[in-house]
Amino acid sequence: YEMAGSVANLDMKGCFMTKGFENFIPLVAAAHEIAAAAAKLAQEARELEKSNDTVLRTPHMKEGNPGRKTDLISKPE
């Protein structure tokens, strides 16, 4: 979450507050690298949650409201 916030801040600074491409290109490139690292960490965390069967799943119920469950093979509450 914090990494995503820093991406937004760097992009804003690079795109709107910095003059000259030699100055803003490194900022935007750094933001891109942070976004890629954040995505990789999020995927690793999701794989850990899946292997422990602790992913929060929120399927829609017949009534239209979202259900909640963490076990893959279980009925939602």
N, C-alpha and C. Protein backbone atom coordinates (compact mmCIF):
# COMPACT_ATOMS: atom_id res chain seq x y z
N TYR A 1 0.83 -1.19 0.00
CA TYR A 1 0.00 0.00 0.00
C TYR A 1 0.87 1.26 0.00
N GLU A 2 1.87 1.27 0.85
CA GLU A 2 2.77 2.43 0.92
C GLU A 2 3.55 2.60 -0.38
N MET A 3 3.94 1.48 -0.97
CA MET A 3 4.68 1.57 -2.24
C MET A 3 3.80 2.19 -3.32
N ALA A 4 2.53 1.82 -3.36
CA ALA A 4 1.62 2.40 -4.35
C ALA A 4 1.47 3.90 -4.14
N GLY A 5 1.42 4.33 -2.89
CA GLY A 5 1.36 5.77 -2.61
C GLY A 5 2.60 6.50 -3.07
N SER A 6 3.76 5.88 -2.91
CA SER A 6 4.98 6.54 -3.35
C SER A 6 5.05 6.59 -4.88
N VAL A 7 4.47 5.61 -5.56
CA VAL A 7 4.40 5.64 -7.02
C VAL A 7 3.60 6.85 -7.47
N ALA A 8 2.46 7.06 -6.85
CA ALA A 8 1.61 8.21 -7.20
C ALA A 8 2.34 9.52 -6.96
N ASN A 9 3.03 9.63 -5.84
CA ASN A 9 3.77 10.86 -5.53
C ASN A 9 4.90 11.11 -6.53
N LEU A 10 5.66 10.07 -6.85
CA LEU A 10 6.76 10.23 -7.80
C LEU A 10 6.25 10.57 -9.19
N ASP A 11 5.18 9.90 -9.62
CA ASP A 11 4.60 10.20 -10.93
C ASP A 11 4.11 11.64 -11.01
N MET A 12 3.42 12.08 -9.96
CA MET A 12 2.92 13.45 -9.95
C MET A 12 4.09 14.44 -10.00
N LYS A 13 5.10 14.18 -9.20
CA LYS A 13 6.26 15.08 -9.20
C LYS A 13 6.96 15.06 -10.56
N GLY A 14 7.14 13.87 -11.13
CA GLY A 14 7.82 13.76 -12.42
C GLY A 14 7.03 14.36 -13.56
N CYS A 15 5.73 14.16 -13.56
CA CYS A 15 4.92 14.61 -14.70
C CYS A 15 4.52 16.08 -14.62
N PHE A 16 4.29 16.59 -13.43
CA PHE A 16 3.70 17.92 -13.32
C PHE A 16 4.55 18.97 -12.61
N MET A 17 5.60 18.54 -11.89
CA MET A 17 6.35 19.50 -11.09
C MET A 17 7.81 19.62 -11.49
N THR A 18 8.27 18.79 -12.42
CA THR A 18 9.67 18.78 -12.80
C THR A 18 9.82 19.20 -14.26
N LYS A 19 10.72 20.11 -14.49
CA LYS A 19 10.98 20.60 -15.85
C LYS A 19 12.16 19.85 -16.46
N GLY A 20 12.10 19.62 -17.75
CA GLY A 20 13.22 19.00 -18.46
C GLY A 20 13.18 17.49 -18.37
N PHE A 21 13.20 16.84 -19.54
CA PHE A 21 13.09 15.38 -19.55
C PHE A 21 14.24 14.71 -18.83
N GLU A 22 15.43 15.33 -18.82
CA GLU A 22 16.56 14.71 -18.12
C GLU A 22 16.33 14.67 -16.61
N ASN A 23 15.41 15.47 -16.11
CA ASN A 23 15.07 15.47 -14.68
C ASN A 23 13.86 14.60 -14.36
N PHE A 24 12.84 14.61 -15.25
CA PHE A 24 11.63 13.87 -14.89
C PHE A 24 11.65 12.41 -15.32
N ILE A 25 12.44 12.05 -16.32
CA ILE A 25 12.50 10.65 -16.75
C ILE A 25 12.97 9.73 -15.62
N PRO A 26 14.03 10.07 -14.86
CA PRO A 26 14.43 9.18 -13.75
C PRO A 26 13.35 9.02 -12.68
N LEU A 27 12.58 10.09 -12.42
CA LEU A 27 11.51 9.99 -11.43
C LEU A 27 10.40 9.04 -11.89
N VAL A 28 9.99 9.20 -13.13
CA VAL A 28 8.93 8.35 -13.67
C VAL A 28 9.41 6.90 -13.80
N ALA A 29 10.66 6.71 -14.20
CA ALA A 29 11.21 5.35 -14.30
C ALA A 29 11.29 4.69 -12.92
N ALA A 30 11.68 5.46 -11.91
CA ALA A 30 11.73 4.93 -10.55
C ALA A 30 10.33 4.53 -10.08
N ALA A 31 9.34 5.36 -10.40
CA ALA A 31 7.96 5.04 -10.04
C ALA A 31 7.52 3.72 -10.69
N HIS A 32 7.91 3.54 -11.95
CA HIS A 32 7.57 2.31 -12.66
C HIS A 32 8.21 1.10 -11.99
N GLU A 33 9.46 1.22 -11.58
CA GLU A 33 10.15 0.11 -10.92
C GLU A 33 9.53 -0.20 -9.57
N ILE A 34 9.13 0.83 -8.83
CA ILE A 34 8.47 0.61 -7.53
C ILE A 34 7.14 -0.11 -7.74
N ALA A 35 6.39 0.30 -8.78
CA ALA A 35 5.11 -0.36 -9.07
C ALA A 35 5.32 -1.83 -9.40
N ALA A 36 6.34 -2.14 -10.17
CA ALA A 36 6.63 -3.53 -10.52
C ALA A 36 7.01 -4.34 -9.27
N ALA A 37 7.81 -3.75 -8.39
CA ALA A 37 8.21 -4.45 -7.16
C ALA A 37 7.00 -4.66 -6.25
N ALA A 38 6.12 -3.67 -6.17
CA ALA A 38 4.92 -3.80 -5.34
C ALA A 38 4.01 -4.91 -5.88
N ALA A 39 3.88 -4.99 -7.19
CA ALA A 39 3.05 -6.03 -7.79
C ALA A 39 3.63 -7.41 -7.50
N LYS A 40 4.95 -7.53 -7.56
CA LYS A 40 5.60 -8.81 -7.29
C LYS A 40 5.39 -9.21 -5.83
N LEU A 41 5.55 -8.27 -4.91
CA LEU A 41 5.33 -8.57 -3.49
C LEU A 41 3.88 -8.95 -3.21
N ALA A 42 2.94 -8.26 -3.85
CA ALA A 42 1.52 -8.58 -3.67
C ALA A 42 1.22 -9.99 -4.17
N GLN A 43 1.79 -10.36 -5.30
CA GLN A 43 1.58 -11.70 -5.84
C GLN A 43 2.17 -12.76 -4.92
N GLU A 44 3.36 -12.50 -4.37
CA GLU A 44 3.97 -13.45 -3.43
C GLU A 44 3.12 -13.61 -2.18
N ALA A 45 2.58 -12.50 -1.67
CA ALA A 45 1.72 -12.57 -0.49
C ALA A 45 0.46 -13.37 -0.80
N ARG A 46 -0.11 -13.15 -1.97
CA ARG A 46 -1.32 -13.90 -2.35
C ARG A 46 -1.03 -15.39 -2.45
N GLU A 47 0.12 -15.76 -3.01
CA GLU A 47 0.47 -17.18 -3.11
C GLU A 47 0.62 -17.80 -1.72
N LEU A 48 1.21 -17.05 -0.77
CA LEU A 48 1.32 -17.54 0.61
C LEU A 48 -0.06 -17.75 1.22
N GLU A 49 -0.95 -16.77 1.02
CA GLU A 49 -2.30 -16.89 1.56
C GLU A 49 -3.03 -18.09 0.94
N LYS A 50 -2.85 -18.29 -0.35
CA LYS A 50 -3.50 -19.42 -1.01
C LYS A 50 -2.97 -20.74 -0.47
N SER A 51 -1.66 -20.84 -0.26
CA SER A 51 -1.08 -22.09 0.22
C SER A 51 -1.51 -22.39 1.65
N ASN A 52 -1.79 -21.35 2.43
CA ASN A 52 -2.28 -21.53 3.80
C ASN A 52 -3.80 -21.58 3.86
N ASP A 53 -4.47 -21.42 2.71
CA ASP A 53 -5.93 -21.40 2.60
C ASP A 53 -6.52 -20.31 3.49
N THR A 54 -5.93 -19.11 3.42
CA THR A 54 -6.40 -17.99 4.24
C THR A 54 -6.81 -16.78 3.40
N VAL A 55 -7.03 -16.98 2.11
CA VAL A 55 -7.46 -15.88 1.25
C VAL A 55 -8.90 -15.53 1.59
N LEU A 56 -9.19 -14.26 1.80
CA LEU A 56 -10.57 -13.84 2.04
C LEU A 56 -11.30 -13.79 0.70
N ARG A 57 -12.34 -14.58 0.60
CA ARG A 57 -13.14 -14.61 -0.62
C ARG A 57 -14.50 -14.01 -0.31
N THR A 58 -15.02 -13.20 -1.23
CA THR A 58 -16.32 -12.54 -1.00
C THR A 58 -17.26 -12.81 -2.17
N PRO A 59 -17.79 -14.03 -2.26
CA PRO A 59 -18.72 -14.34 -3.35
C PRO A 59 -20.07 -13.67 -3.13
N HIS A 60 -20.80 -13.46 -4.21
CA HIS A 60 -22.14 -12.88 -4.10
C HIS A 60 -23.14 -13.98 -3.74
N MET A 61 -24.03 -13.65 -2.83
CA MET A 61 -25.06 -14.59 -2.39
C MET A 61 -26.29 -14.44 -3.28
N LYS A 62 -27.25 -15.36 -3.15
CA LYS A 62 -28.48 -15.30 -3.94
C LYS A 62 -29.23 -13.99 -3.72
N GLU A 63 -29.19 -13.49 -2.48
CA GLU A 63 -29.91 -12.26 -2.13
C GLU A 63 -29.24 -11.01 -2.70
N GLY A 64 -28.04 -11.16 -3.24
CA GLY A 64 -27.33 -10.03 -3.83
C GLY A 64 -26.26 -9.43 -2.94
N ASN A 65 -26.26 -9.79 -1.66
CA ASN A 65 -25.23 -9.26 -0.76
C ASN A 65 -23.99 -10.14 -0.82
N PRO A 66 -22.82 -9.58 -0.49
CA PRO A 66 -21.59 -10.38 -0.54
C PRO A 66 -21.47 -11.30 0.67
N GLY A 67 -21.01 -12.52 0.42
CA GLY A 67 -20.71 -13.45 1.49
C GLY A 67 -19.23 -13.35 1.86
N ARG A 68 -18.83 -14.09 2.89
CA ARG A 68 -17.44 -14.10 3.33
C ARG A 68 -17.02 -15.53 3.64
N LYS A 69 -15.83 -15.88 3.17
CA LYS A 69 -15.26 -17.17 3.54
C LYS A 69 -13.76 -17.11 3.33
N THR A 70 -13.04 -17.95 4.06
CA THR A 70 -11.59 -18.03 3.86
C THR A 70 -11.18 -19.39 3.33
N ASP A 71 -11.90 -20.44 3.70
CA ASP A 71 -11.57 -21.77 3.19
C ASP A 71 -12.09 -21.90 1.77
N LEU A 72 -11.27 -22.49 0.90
CA LEU A 72 -11.68 -22.64 -0.49
C LEU A 72 -12.90 -23.55 -0.61
N ILE A 73 -12.88 -24.66 0.13
CA ILE A 73 -13.99 -25.61 0.10
C ILE A 73 -14.84 -25.39 1.35
N SER A 74 -15.71 -24.41 1.31
CA SER A 74 -16.64 -24.14 2.42
C SER A 74 -17.78 -23.29 1.91
N LYS A 75 -18.84 -23.25 2.69
CA LYS A 75 -19.99 -22.41 2.35
C LYS A 75 -19.73 -21.00 2.86
N PRO A 76 -20.05 -19.97 2.08
CA PRO A 76 -19.88 -18.60 2.56
C PRO A 76 -20.89 -18.26 3.65
N GLU A 77 -20.51 -17.36 4.53
CA GLU A 77 -21.38 -16.91 5.62
C GLU A 77 -22.22 -15.75 5.17
